[in-house]
Amino acid sequence: MSDLLTLILDVGKTVAPRPLPTGYSVRELRSKDAEELGRLYFASYDPGLASADVEEAIADIRATFGGAYGDPWEEASLAATSGGDVVAAVLTVHRAPWDDTPRCPFVVEIFTDRAHRRRGVASHLLERCLAEVAAHEEARALALRVRSTNEAALALYSAFGFRRWGTAAPG
């Protein structure tokens, strides 16, 4: 896990979500979405990066809904759909269970179908997630992990103001 960076953002600096791109809608995730999300999760990453196969990806998503990565925050876990299909998702927990993460809400995963990238869908989901977190007075920050080699994700998080945790990080 040495190639993973933990990033954090003070949610007090968030703004209202930008409009969702035309042709997309957003809804809360449901546990019955696990199989579709697992397939999308597997397809969204290079082979073997997120999981060894589709079945493992589906099991990982089911584990997320089951609380393996913290208490799921349903209102901050969202799906973007297009044509009835889930094309992007953000999965958020109230607090990650790992000792080496900040004690604040945590994005366990955010991923987008390759055919729907660079359209602002993930940005919109992250903005909606941040708005939900910011609406709760006790939640002052949102954290996540990202591979140090994932330049697109790092650019997205940097644009939001995320910074490396451990450099005067709240939480």
Foldseek 3Di string as FASTA:
>chain_A
DVQKFKWKDFLVPADAFDDDDPQKDKDWDDLVCLLLVLQLVCQQDDAPPVHPDSVVSSVVSNCLPVQVFAAWDRQLWMFMDGPRGTFKIWTKHQAGPDPPHDGGIETEDIGGRPVPPPRCNSVRSNSSSSVVQVVDPVGGMYMYMDGNPPVVVVVSVVVRPIDGPPPPDDD
